[in-house]
C-alpha atoms as a PDB file:
ATOM      1  CA  UNK A   1       3.331   0.930 -16.476  1.00  0.00           C
ATOM      2  CA  UNK A   2       6.649   2.665 -16.927  1.00  0.00           C
ATOM      3  CA  UNK A   3       9.536   0.264 -16.510  1.00  0.00           C
ATOM      4  CA  UNK A   4      12.489   1.490 -14.472  1.00  0.00           C
ATOM      5  CA  UNK A   5      15.932   0.023 -14.770  1.00  0.00           C
ATOM      6  CA  UNK A   6      16.953  -2.790 -12.470  1.00  0.00           C
ATOM      7  CA  UNK A   7      20.120  -0.887 -11.555  1.00  0.00           C
ATOM      8  CA  UNK A   8      18.127   2.143 -10.379  1.00  0.00           C
ATOM      9  CA  UNK A   9      15.841  -0.125  -8.354  1.00  0.00           C
ATOM     10  CA  UNK A  10      18.807  -1.864  -6.766  1.00  0.00           C
ATOM     11  CA  UNK A  11      20.363   1.504  -5.885  1.00  0.00           C
ATOM     12  CA  UNK A  12      17.091   2.629  -4.286  1.00  0.00           C
ATOM     13  CA  UNK A  13      16.898  -0.554  -2.206  1.00  0.00           C
ATOM     14  CA  UNK A  14      20.502  -0.106  -1.092  1.00  0.00           C
ATOM     15  CA  UNK A  15      19.875   3.490   0.000  1.00  0.00           C
ATOM     16  CA  UNK A  16      16.646   2.610   1.810  1.00  0.00           C
ATOM     17  CA  UNK A  17      18.343  -0.297   3.603  1.00  0.00           C
ATOM     18  CA  UNK A  18      21.044   1.834   5.212  1.00  0.00           C
ATOM     19  CA  UNK A  19      20.670   2.334   8.919  1.00  0.00           C
ATOM     20  CA  UNK A  20      17.888  -0.183   9.497  1.00  0.00           C
ATOM     21  CA  UNK A  21      16.783  -0.425  13.113  1.00  0.00           C
ATOM     22  CA  UNK A  22      13.726  -1.177  15.220  1.00  0.00           C
ATOM     23  CA  UNK A  23      12.407   0.294  18.420  1.00  0.00           C
ATOM     24  CA  UNK A  24      10.299  -1.775  20.794  1.00  0.00           C
ATOM     25  CA  UNK A  25       6.988  -0.141  21.673  1.00  0.00           C
ATOM     26  CA  UNK A  26       5.066  -0.340  24.943  1.00  0.00           C
ATOM     27  CA  UNK A  27       4.266  -3.588  26.715  1.00  0.00           C
ATOM     28  CA  UNK A  28       0.503  -3.297  26.182  1.00  0.00           C
ATOM     29  CA  UNK A  29      -1.518  -5.626  23.931  1.00  0.00           C
ATOM     30  CA  UNK A  30      -0.561  -3.324  21.086  1.00  0.00           C
ATOM     31  CA  UNK A  31       3.187  -3.565  21.606  1.00  0.00           C
ATOM     32  CA  UNK A  32       5.121  -3.514  18.410  1.00  0.00           C
ATOM     33  CA  UNK A  33       8.556  -3.116  16.982  1.00  0.00           C
ATOM     34  CA  UNK A  34       8.351  -0.401  14.386  1.00  0.00           C
ATOM     35  CA  UNK A  35      10.577  -0.888  11.392  1.00  0.00           C
ATOM     36  CA  UNK A  36      12.089   2.079   9.595  1.00  0.00           C
ATOM     37  CA  UNK A  37      10.749   1.301   6.127  1.00  0.00           C
ATOM     38  CA  UNK A  38      13.625  -0.983   5.191  1.00  0.00           C
ATOM     39  CA  UNK A  39      12.964  -2.536   1.782  1.00  0.00           C
ATOM     40  CA  UNK A  40      14.117  -6.033   0.875  1.00  0.00           C
ATOM     41  CA  UNK A  41      13.651  -7.384  -2.643  1.00  0.00           C
ATOM     42  CA  UNK A  42      13.928 -11.014  -3.696  1.00  0.00           C
ATOM     43  CA  UNK A  43      15.012 -12.024  -7.193  1.00  0.00           C
ATOM     44  CA  UNK A  44      12.509 -14.294  -8.952  1.00  0.00           C
ATOM     45  CA  UNK A  45      14.864 -17.277  -8.910  1.00  0.00           C
ATOM     46  CA  UNK A  46      15.241 -16.993  -5.110  1.00  0.00           C
ATOM     47  CA  UNK A  47      11.575 -16.592  -4.165  1.00  0.00           C
ATOM     48  CA  UNK A  48      10.124 -19.214  -1.856  1.00  0.00           C
ATOM     49  CA  UNK A  49       6.860 -21.066  -2.326  1.00  0.00           C
ATOM     50  CA  UNK A  50       3.617 -19.069  -2.603  1.00  0.00           C
ATOM     51  CA  UNK A  51       2.163 -17.532   0.547  1.00  0.00           C
ATOM     52  CA  UNK A  52      -0.918 -19.454   1.696  1.00  0.00           C
ATOM     53  CA  UNK A  53      -3.607 -18.389   4.162  1.00  0.00           C
ATOM     54  CA  UNK A  54      -7.309 -17.790   4.528  1.00  0.00           C
ATOM     55  CA  UNK A  55      -9.179 -15.517   6.887  1.00  0.00           C
ATOM     56  CA  UNK A  56     -12.348 -13.606   7.550  1.00  0.00           C
ATOM     57  CA  UNK A  57     -12.455  -9.952   6.516  1.00  0.00           C
ATOM     58  CA  UNK A  58     -13.679  -7.188   8.776  1.00  0.00           C
ATOM     59  CA  UNK A  59     -16.974  -7.249   6.862  1.00  0.00           C
ATOM     60  CA  UNK A  60     -17.388 -10.980   7.491  1.00  0.00           C
ATOM     61  CA  UNK A  61     -16.374 -12.404   4.095  1.00  0.00           C
ATOM     62  CA  UNK A  62     -14.008 -15.319   3.620  1.00  0.00           C
ATOM     63  CA  UNK A  63     -10.705 -14.405   1.920  1.00  0.00           C
ATOM     64  CA  UNK A  64      -8.244 -16.912   0.434  1.00  0.00           C
ATOM     65  CA  UNK A  65      -5.015 -15.305  -0.766  1.00  0.00           C
ATOM     66  CA  UNK A  66      -4.745 -18.037  -3.446  1.00  0.00           C
ATOM     67  CA  UNK A  67      -7.763 -16.452  -5.180  1.00  0.00           C
ATOM     68  CA  UNK A  68      -5.476 -13.553  -6.138  1.00  0.00           C
ATOM     69  CA  UNK A  69      -2.998 -15.659  -8.134  1.00  0.00           C
ATOM     70  CA  UNK A  70      -2.281 -14.048 -11.495  1.00  0.00           C
ATOM     71  CA  UNK A  71      -2.116 -10.549  -9.960  1.00  0.00           C
ATOM     72  CA  UNK A  72       0.568  -8.768  -8.007  1.00  0.00           C
ATOM     73  CA  UNK A  73      -0.702  -8.484  -4.419  1.00  0.00           C
ATOM     74  CA  UNK A  74       0.242  -5.756  -1.952  1.00  0.00           C
ATOM     75  CA  UNK A  75      -0.292  -7.293   1.476  1.00  0.00           C
ATOM     76  CA  UNK A  76      -0.297  -4.700   4.269  1.00  0.00           C
ATOM     77  CA  UNK A  77      -0.176  -5.559   7.978  1.00  0.00           C
ATOM     78  CA  UNK A  78      -1.712  -2.718   9.975  1.00  0.00           C
ATOM     79  CA  UNK A  79      -3.651  -1.676  13.072  1.00  0.00           C
ATOM     80  CA  UNK A  80      -5.766   1.400  13.758  1.00  0.00           C
ATOM     81  CA  UNK A  81      -3.766   1.896  16.979  1.00  0.00           C
ATOM     82  CA  UNK A  82      -0.505   2.123  14.976  1.00  0.00           C
ATOM     83  CA  UNK A  83       0.730   5.685  14.285  1.00  0.00           C
ATOM     84  CA  UNK A  84       3.017   4.670  11.388  1.00  0.00           C
ATOM     85  CA  UNK A  85       0.029   2.848   9.844  1.00  0.00           C
ATOM     86  CA  UNK A  86      -1.922   6.116   9.888  1.00  0.00           C
ATOM     87  CA  UNK A  87       1.068   7.887   8.297  1.00  0.00           C
ATOM     88  CA  UNK A  88       1.379   5.404   5.427  1.00  0.00           C
ATOM     89  CA  UNK A  89      -2.340   4.940   4.723  1.00  0.00           C
ATOM     90  CA  UNK A  90      -2.682   7.932   2.333  1.00  0.00           C
ATOM     91  CA  UNK A  91       0.311   6.720   0.263  1.00  0.00           C
ATOM     92  CA  UNK A  92      -1.073   3.177   0.119  1.00  0.00           C
ATOM     93  CA  UNK A  93      -4.506   4.414  -0.979  1.00  0.00           C
ATOM     94  CA  UNK A  94      -2.924   6.671  -3.600  1.00  0.00           C
ATOM     95  CA  UNK A  95      -1.027   3.750  -5.147  1.00  0.00           C
ATOM     96  CA  UNK A  96      -4.047   1.433  -4.993  1.00  0.00           C
ATOM     97  CA  UNK A  97      -6.138   3.970  -6.901  1.00  0.00           C
ATOM     98  CA  UNK A  98      -3.439   4.587  -9.531  1.00  0.00           C
ATOM     99  CA  UNK A  99      -2.635   0.959 -10.380  1.00  0.00           C
ATOM    100  CA  UNK A 100      -4.942  -1.151 -12.569  1.00  0.00           C
ATOM    101  CA  UNK A 101      -7.160  -3.414 -10.439  1.00  0.00           C
ATOM    102  CA  UNK A 102      -7.013  -6.001 -13.210  1.00  0.00           C
ATOM    103  CA  UNK A 103      -3.269  -6.440 -12.509  1.00  0.00           C
ATOM    104  CA  UNK A 104      -2.754  -5.472  -8.849  1.00  0.00           C
ATOM    105  CA  UNK A 105      -4.755  -6.264  -5.700  1.00  0.00           C
ATOM    106  CA  UNK A 106      -4.374  -4.864  -2.190  1.00  0.00           C
ATOM    107  CA  UNK A 107      -5.209  -6.901   0.919  1.00  0.00           C
ATOM    108  CA  UNK A 108      -4.892  -5.803   4.528  1.00  0.00           C
ATOM    109  CA  UNK A 109      -4.269  -7.809   7.678  1.00  0.00           C
ATOM    110  CA  UNK A 110      -5.603  -5.960  10.715  1.00  0.00           C
ATOM    111  CA  UNK A 111      -3.762  -6.982  13.912  1.00  0.00           C
ATOM    112  CA  UNK A 112      -4.079  -6.429  17.673  1.00  0.00           C
ATOM    113  CA  UNK A 113      -7.109  -4.116  17.651  1.00  0.00           C
ATOM    114  CA  UNK A 114      -8.847  -3.128  20.867  1.00  0.00           C
ATOM    115  CA  UNK A 115     -12.176  -3.155  18.999  1.00  0.00           C
ATOM    116  CA  UNK A 116     -13.576  -3.878  15.551  1.00  0.00           C
ATOM    117  CA  UNK A 117     -15.113  -0.384  15.618  1.00  0.00           C
ATOM    118  CA  UNK A 118     -11.607   1.147  15.706  1.00  0.00           C
ATOM    119  CA  UNK A 119     -10.590  -0.833  12.612  1.00  0.00           C
ATOM    120  CA  UNK A 120     -13.772   0.163  10.782  1.00  0.00           C
ATOM    121  CA  UNK A 121     -13.232   3.831  11.684  1.00  0.00           C
ATOM    122  CA  UNK A 122      -9.659   3.631  10.328  1.00  0.00           C
ATOM    123  CA  UNK A 123     -10.943   2.221   7.029  1.00  0.00           C
ATOM    124  CA  UNK A 124     -13.598   4.944   6.728  1.00  0.00           C
ATOM    125  CA  UNK A 125     -11.205   7.722   7.751  1.00  0.00           C
ATOM    126  CA  UNK A 126      -8.630   6.855   5.089  1.00  0.00           C
ATOM    127  CA  UNK A 127     -11.179   5.635   2.501  1.00  0.00           C
ATOM    128  CA  UNK A 128      -9.369   2.328   2.162  1.00  0.00           C
ATOM    129  CA  UNK A 129     -10.814   0.457  -0.828  1.00  0.00           C
ATOM    130  CA  UNK A 130      -9.380  -3.045  -0.227  1.00  0.00           C
ATOM    131  CA  UNK A 131     -10.484  -5.873   2.087  1.00  0.00           C
ATOM    132  CA  UNK A 132      -8.709  -6.496   5.378  1.00  0.00           C
ATOM    133  CA  UNK A 133      -8.559  -9.748   7.284  1.00  0.00           C
ATOM    134  CA  UNK A 134      -9.571  -9.470  10.936  1.00  0.00           C
ATOM    135  CA  UNK A 135      -6.539 -11.231  12.464  1.00  0.00           C
ATOM    136  CA  UNK A 136      -7.051 -10.677  16.165  1.00  0.00           C
ATOM    137  CA  UNK A 137      -6.189 -14.319  16.899  1.00  0.00           C
ATOM    138  CA  UNK A 138      -2.936 -14.085  14.909  1.00  0.00           C
ATOM    139  CA  UNK A 139      -3.604 -17.052  12.580  1.00  0.00           C
ATOM    140  CA  UNK A 140      -2.689 -15.091   9.446  1.00  0.00           C
ATOM    141  CA  UNK A 141       0.507 -13.726  10.993  1.00  0.00           C
ATOM    142  CA  UNK A 142       1.343 -17.281  12.044  1.00  0.00           C
ATOM    143  CA  UNK A 143       0.985 -18.367   8.393  1.00  0.00           C
ATOM    144  CA  UNK A 144       3.519 -15.637   7.502  1.00  0.00           C
ATOM    145  CA  UNK A 145       6.121 -16.706  10.088  1.00  0.00           C
ATOM    146  CA  UNK A 146       9.596 -16.566   8.673  1.00  0.00           C
ATOM    147  CA  UNK A 147       8.445 -14.016   6.097  1.00  0.00           C
ATOM    148  CA  UNK A 148       7.595 -11.059   8.316  1.00  0.00           C
ATOM    149  CA  UNK A 149       8.281 -10.561  12.054  1.00  0.00           C
ATOM    150  CA  UNK A 150       4.931 -10.728  13.884  1.00  0.00           C
ATOM    151  CA  UNK A 151       5.784  -7.678  15.991  1.00  0.00           C
ATOM    152  CA  UNK A 152       6.677  -5.227  13.202  1.00  0.00           C
ATOM    153  CA  UNK A 153       3.600  -3.187  12.377  1.00  0.00           C
ATOM    154  CA  UNK A 154       3.171  -1.883   9.775  1.00  0.00           C
ATOM    155  CA  UNK A 155       4.782  -4.313   7.358  1.00  0.00           C
ATOM    156  CA  UNK A 156       4.047  -4.710   3.667  1.00  0.00           C
ATOM    157  CA  UNK A 157       4.679  -7.646   1.377  1.00  0.00           C
ATOM    158  CA  UNK A 158       4.528  -7.493  -2.404  1.00  0.00           C
ATOM    159  CA  UNK A 159       3.601 -10.872  -3.871  1.00  0.00           C
ATOM    160  CA  UNK A 160       4.341 -11.736  -7.471  1.00  0.00           C
ATOM    161  CA  UNK A 161       1.566 -13.171  -9.707  1.00  0.00           C
ATOM    162  CA  UNK A 162       2.503 -16.677  -8.509  1.00  0.00           C
ATOM    163  CA  UNK A 163       1.891 -15.635  -4.885  1.00  0.00           C
ATOM    164  CA  UNK A 164       5.546 -15.590  -3.876  1.00  0.00           C
ATOM    165  CA  UNK A 165       7.096 -12.791  -1.808  1.00  0.00           C
ATOM    166  CA  UNK A 166       8.951 -10.464  -4.186  1.00  0.00           C
ATOM    167  CA  UNK A 167       9.529  -7.605  -1.735  1.00  0.00           C
ATOM    168  CA  UNK A 168       9.103  -6.776   1.952  1.00  0.00           C
ATOM    169  CA  UNK A 169       8.923  -3.443   3.728  1.00  0.00           C
ATOM    170  CA  UNK A 170       9.401  -3.475   7.509  1.00  0.00           C
ATOM    171  CA  UNK A 171       7.811  -0.317   8.813  1.00  0.00           C
ATOM    172  CA  UNK A 172       5.858   2.287   6.892  1.00  0.00           C
ATOM    173  CA  UNK A 173       6.008   2.375   3.109  1.00  0.00           C
ATOM    174  CA  UNK A 174       8.724   4.956   2.302  1.00  0.00           C
ATOM    175  CA  UNK A 175       6.757   6.539  -0.548  1.00  0.00           C
ATOM    176  CA  UNK A 176       4.162   5.915  -3.236  1.00  0.00           C
ATOM    177  CA  UNK A 177       6.963   5.821  -5.806  1.00  0.00           C
ATOM    178  CA  UNK A 178       8.825   3.096  -3.917  1.00  0.00           C
ATOM    179  CA  UNK A 179       5.688   0.971  -3.629  1.00  0.00           C
ATOM    180  CA  UNK A 180       4.861   1.420  -7.319  1.00  0.00           C
ATOM    181  CA  UNK A 181       8.413   0.414  -8.275  1.00  0.00           C
ATOM    182  CA  UNK A 182       8.193  -2.731  -6.130  1.00  0.00           C
ATOM    183  CA  UNK A 183       4.845  -3.671  -7.673  1.00  0.00           C
ATOM    184  CA  UNK A 184       6.238  -3.120 -11.143  1.00  0.00           C
ATOM    185  CA  UNK A 185       9.304  -5.261 -10.416  1.00  0.00           C
ATOM    186  CA  UNK A 186       7.111  -8.059  -8.992  1.00  0.00           C
ATOM    187  CA  UNK A 187       4.975  -8.035 -12.139  1.00  0.00           C
ATOM    188  CA  UNK A 188       7.958  -8.675 -14.424  1.00  0.00           C
END
C-alpha cells in the first residue's frame, strides 16, 4: 500500500469534519439520523479496548469479530431501506475488492430491516462480498454503544489489527480514497 503523510491525513480529517450536522429521519421503524460523512480518527495511544461482539449473519453463520484480530476491519452499519447506504455501497465494494483480503476484512451490520429479503436483495444488487450480521434485535449495536450512535445509519468503523476503533465515519463514506487512507492508517 502507498503510505500517505500523517499531516495530509490530518488535513483531510479536518476538512471533512467542518460543518458536521445530522438530520432526524421519519418516525417509522426505520427512523435514523443521517450523518454527513464526518470522519474521526483516533491515535493508537488513545484507542480504547478492542470491540467485542458476536452475531448471526444473514446467511445463518455465526460471526465473532474477535476472529478477525490481526487484520484491519472495516465495519459498516447499513440497511437496505437507507438511501445513503445505497449511495456508499459502490465505493465500499470498490475498496473491498482493491485491498488485500489477507490484511483487510469487511463486515456489515444490517439494522432495522422490514424483511430479510430486502437485505438479501441489497447484497445481490451491489454484489457485496463480505458477511453482514442480521442485527434486527439491536444486540450488536448495543455492544457498540459509546462508539457509534445507534441512530446514525450508515456508520463505518475502521478497527486496527488489535480490534480497536482507529476511525469512525458518521454517515456515508466520503470516498473510496478516504476509506483506503483510513484503512492504511489503522494498519500502521
